[in-house]
Amino acid sequence: MAGAWKKGDFQSGARKWQQNYAASGPQLKAGVAAPKRDPTQAAIAQQAALLSGFNAAVSSGQWAQGLQRAGQAGWQAGMNQYANSGLAQGAAKGASRVQAYASSAGPQVMAHVNTLPPRGAAGSNQARSQQMNDWMHQQRGKYRGAWRGGVSG
């Protein structure tokens, strides 16, 4: 690409970059399959540098300046972009998990709801709600396998 740019041929240079970038999958996969070092351990080893850098950025005002550059308008633009496409992508990605969880846990929840006392005055509704909360707390983790796409239990 550098040769094309030096000659002023920016269009073919950009096309070549795009082709090479699109074709770099095998090299990326090879690097992922055989990393030079464990990326998790490398990140853990950099905790002190992370904290030091963050604290320095906050102390110097650099962090606040960066936030102000984006400002509310930048935040709104990012959130609107997420609302336009990110939510739908996340919903599509999580649909099978929600379905598995609902089909596994849903009948159990409804069966327990049927054991609760009937709705009534505020005090009895609060007691009913507390009974449901206590039961749900007891169920914690029971349907984790269904959520992860496996078998519940």
Protein backbone atom coordinates (compact mmCIF):
# COMPACT_ATOMS: atom_id res chain seq x y z
CA MET A 1 0.00 0.00 0.00
CA ALA A 2 2.84 2.40 0.80
CA GLY A 3 4.09 2.14 -2.80
CA ALA A 4 0.72 3.12 -4.22
CA TRP A 5 0.43 6.03 -1.81
CA LYS A 6 3.89 7.31 -2.67
CA LYS A 7 2.81 7.39 -6.30
CA GLY A 8 -0.38 9.27 -5.40
CA ASP A 9 -2.59 6.28 -6.23
CA PHE A 10 -4.76 6.44 -3.14
CA GLN A 11 -7.71 4.53 -4.60
CA SER A 12 -5.78 1.37 -5.47
CA GLY A 13 -3.92 1.64 -2.17
CA ALA A 14 -7.22 1.74 -0.30
CA ARG A 15 -8.53 -1.21 -2.32
CA LYS A 16 -5.40 -3.21 -1.60
CA TRP A 17 -5.67 -2.44 2.09
CA GLN A 18 -9.31 -3.57 2.09
CA GLN A 19 -8.46 -6.82 0.25
CA ASN A 20 -5.57 -7.62 2.58
CA TYR A 21 -7.61 -6.76 5.65
CA ALA A 22 -10.53 -8.93 4.52
CA ALA A 23 -8.18 -11.83 3.75
CA SER A 24 -6.33 -11.67 7.09
CA GLY A 25 -8.65 -14.17 8.80
CA PRO A 26 -6.26 -17.15 8.56
CA GLN A 27 -3.41 -15.15 10.11
CA LEU A 28 -5.68 -13.98 12.92
CA LYS A 29 -6.88 -17.53 13.56
CA ALA A 30 -3.29 -18.79 13.62
CA GLY A 31 -2.35 -16.13 16.16
CA VAL A 32 -5.35 -16.98 18.31
CA ALA A 33 -4.55 -20.70 18.15
CA ALA A 34 -0.93 -20.18 19.20
CA PRO A 35 -0.54 -16.89 21.09
CA LYS A 36 2.96 -15.85 22.13
CA ARG A 37 1.65 -15.47 25.69
CA ASP A 38 -1.60 -15.99 27.57
CA PRO A 39 -3.60 -12.76 27.03
CA THR A 40 -5.53 -13.18 30.28
CA GLN A 41 -2.35 -13.50 32.32
CA ALA A 42 -0.81 -10.59 30.43
CA ALA A 43 -3.81 -8.41 31.28
CA ILE A 44 -3.71 -9.47 34.94
CA ALA A 45 -0.01 -8.62 35.05
CA GLN A 46 -0.83 -5.08 33.90
CA GLN A 47 -3.30 -4.28 36.71
CA ALA A 48 -0.93 -1.93 38.48
CA ALA A 49 -0.18 -0.07 35.24
CA LEU A 50 -3.91 0.17 34.50
CA LEU A 51 -4.66 1.68 37.90
CA SER A 52 -1.66 3.97 37.75
CA GLY A 53 -2.62 5.22 34.28
CA PHE A 54 -6.25 5.71 35.23
CA ASN A 55 -5.37 7.53 38.44
CA ALA A 56 -2.92 9.76 36.55
CA ALA A 57 -5.56 10.54 33.90
CA VAL A 58 -8.12 11.44 36.58
CA SER A 59 -5.64 13.49 38.63
CA SER A 60 -4.42 15.45 35.62
CA GLY A 61 -7.94 16.22 34.39
CA GLN A 62 -7.34 14.32 31.14
CA TRP A 63 -10.19 11.90 31.88
CA ALA A 64 -12.69 14.71 32.53
CA GLN A 65 -11.55 16.53 29.39
CA GLY A 66 -12.15 13.41 27.33
CA LEU A 67 -15.64 13.05 28.75
CA GLN A 68 -16.38 16.70 28.02
CA ARG A 69 -15.16 16.34 24.42
CA ALA A 70 -17.80 13.70 23.80
CA GLY A 71 -20.34 15.46 26.00
CA GLN A 72 -24.00 14.68 26.18
CA ALA A 73 -24.37 14.88 22.41
CA GLY A 74 -21.67 12.22 21.91
CA TRP A 75 -23.25 10.00 24.53
CA GLN A 76 -26.66 10.43 22.91
CA ALA A 77 -25.26 9.61 19.46
CA GLY A 78 -23.70 6.41 20.78
CA MET A 79 -26.83 5.39 22.63
CA ASN A 80 -29.00 6.11 19.58
CA GLN A 81 -26.70 4.01 17.42
CA TYR A 82 -26.99 1.19 19.96
CA ALA A 83 -30.78 1.61 20.03
CA ASN A 84 -30.91 1.46 16.22
CA SER A 85 -28.87 -1.71 15.79
CA GLY A 86 -27.28 -2.99 18.98
CA LEU A 87 -30.48 -3.88 20.78
CA ALA A 88 -31.79 -5.91 17.85
CA GLN A 89 -28.45 -7.71 17.50
CA GLY A 90 -28.37 -8.50 21.21
CA ALA A 91 -31.96 -9.72 21.15
CA ALA A 92 -31.24 -12.01 18.22
CA LYS A 93 -28.12 -13.34 19.92
CA GLY A 94 -29.87 -14.00 23.23
CA ALA A 95 -33.21 -15.31 21.95
CA SER A 96 -32.32 -18.99 22.21
CA ARG A 97 -31.08 -18.55 25.78
CA VAL A 98 -34.19 -16.72 26.86
CA GLN A 99 -36.36 -19.39 25.24
CA ALA A 100 -34.43 -22.20 26.95
CA TYR A 101 -34.66 -20.45 30.31
CA ALA A 102 -38.35 -19.63 29.93
CA SER A 103 -39.29 -23.16 28.92
CA SER A 104 -37.30 -24.58 31.83
CA ALA A 105 -38.04 -22.09 34.63
CA GLY A 106 -41.39 -20.69 33.49
CA PRO A 107 -43.53 -23.69 34.47
CA GLN A 108 -41.84 -23.82 37.89
CA VAL A 109 -42.47 -20.13 38.49
CA MET A 110 -46.12 -20.42 37.52
CA ALA A 111 -46.57 -23.49 39.72
CA HIS A 112 -45.17 -21.56 42.69
CA VAL A 113 -47.32 -18.50 41.95
CA ASN A 114 -50.36 -20.77 42.22
CA THR A 115 -49.33 -21.72 45.78
CA LEU A 116 -49.29 -18.09 46.97
CA PRO A 117 -52.21 -16.62 48.91
CA PRO A 118 -54.64 -14.53 46.85
CA ARG A 119 -54.05 -10.85 46.23
CA GLY A 120 -55.69 -8.49 48.64
CA ALA A 121 -54.89 -5.50 50.83
CA ALA A 122 -51.49 -3.83 50.75
CA GLY A 123 -50.13 -5.78 53.71
CA SER A 124 -51.13 -9.17 52.31
CA ASN A 125 -49.75 -8.21 48.88
CA GLN A 126 -46.44 -7.31 50.51
CA ALA A 127 -46.36 -10.68 52.27
CA ARG A 128 -47.21 -12.42 48.99
CA SER A 129 -44.40 -10.53 47.26
CA GLN A 130 -41.95 -11.45 50.02
CA GLN A 131 -42.90 -15.13 49.72
CA MET A 132 -42.25 -14.99 45.98
CA ASN A 133 -38.94 -13.18 46.48
CA ASP A 134 -37.84 -15.77 49.04
CA TRP A 135 -38.72 -18.62 46.68
CA MET A 136 -36.94 -16.97 43.74
CA HIS A 137 -33.86 -16.50 45.91
CA GLN A 138 -33.91 -20.23 46.69
CA GLN A 139 -33.98 -20.95 42.95
CA ARG A 140 -30.83 -18.94 42.28
CA GLY A 141 -28.51 -20.85 39.98
CA LYS A 142 -30.93 -23.74 39.48
CA TYR A 143 -31.63 -22.80 35.87
CA ARG A 144 -28.15 -21.56 34.99
CA GLY A 145 -27.60 -24.49 32.66
CA ALA A 146 -30.74 -23.63 30.71
CA TRP A 147 -29.61 -20.02 30.45
CA ARG A 148 -26.25 -21.14 29.10
CA GLY A 149 -27.96 -23.33 26.52
CA GLY A 150 -27.57 -26.60 28.37
CA VAL A 151 -29.81 -28.64 30.60
CA SER A 152 -31.24 -27.07 33.72
CA GLY A 153 -31.13 -28.62 37.11
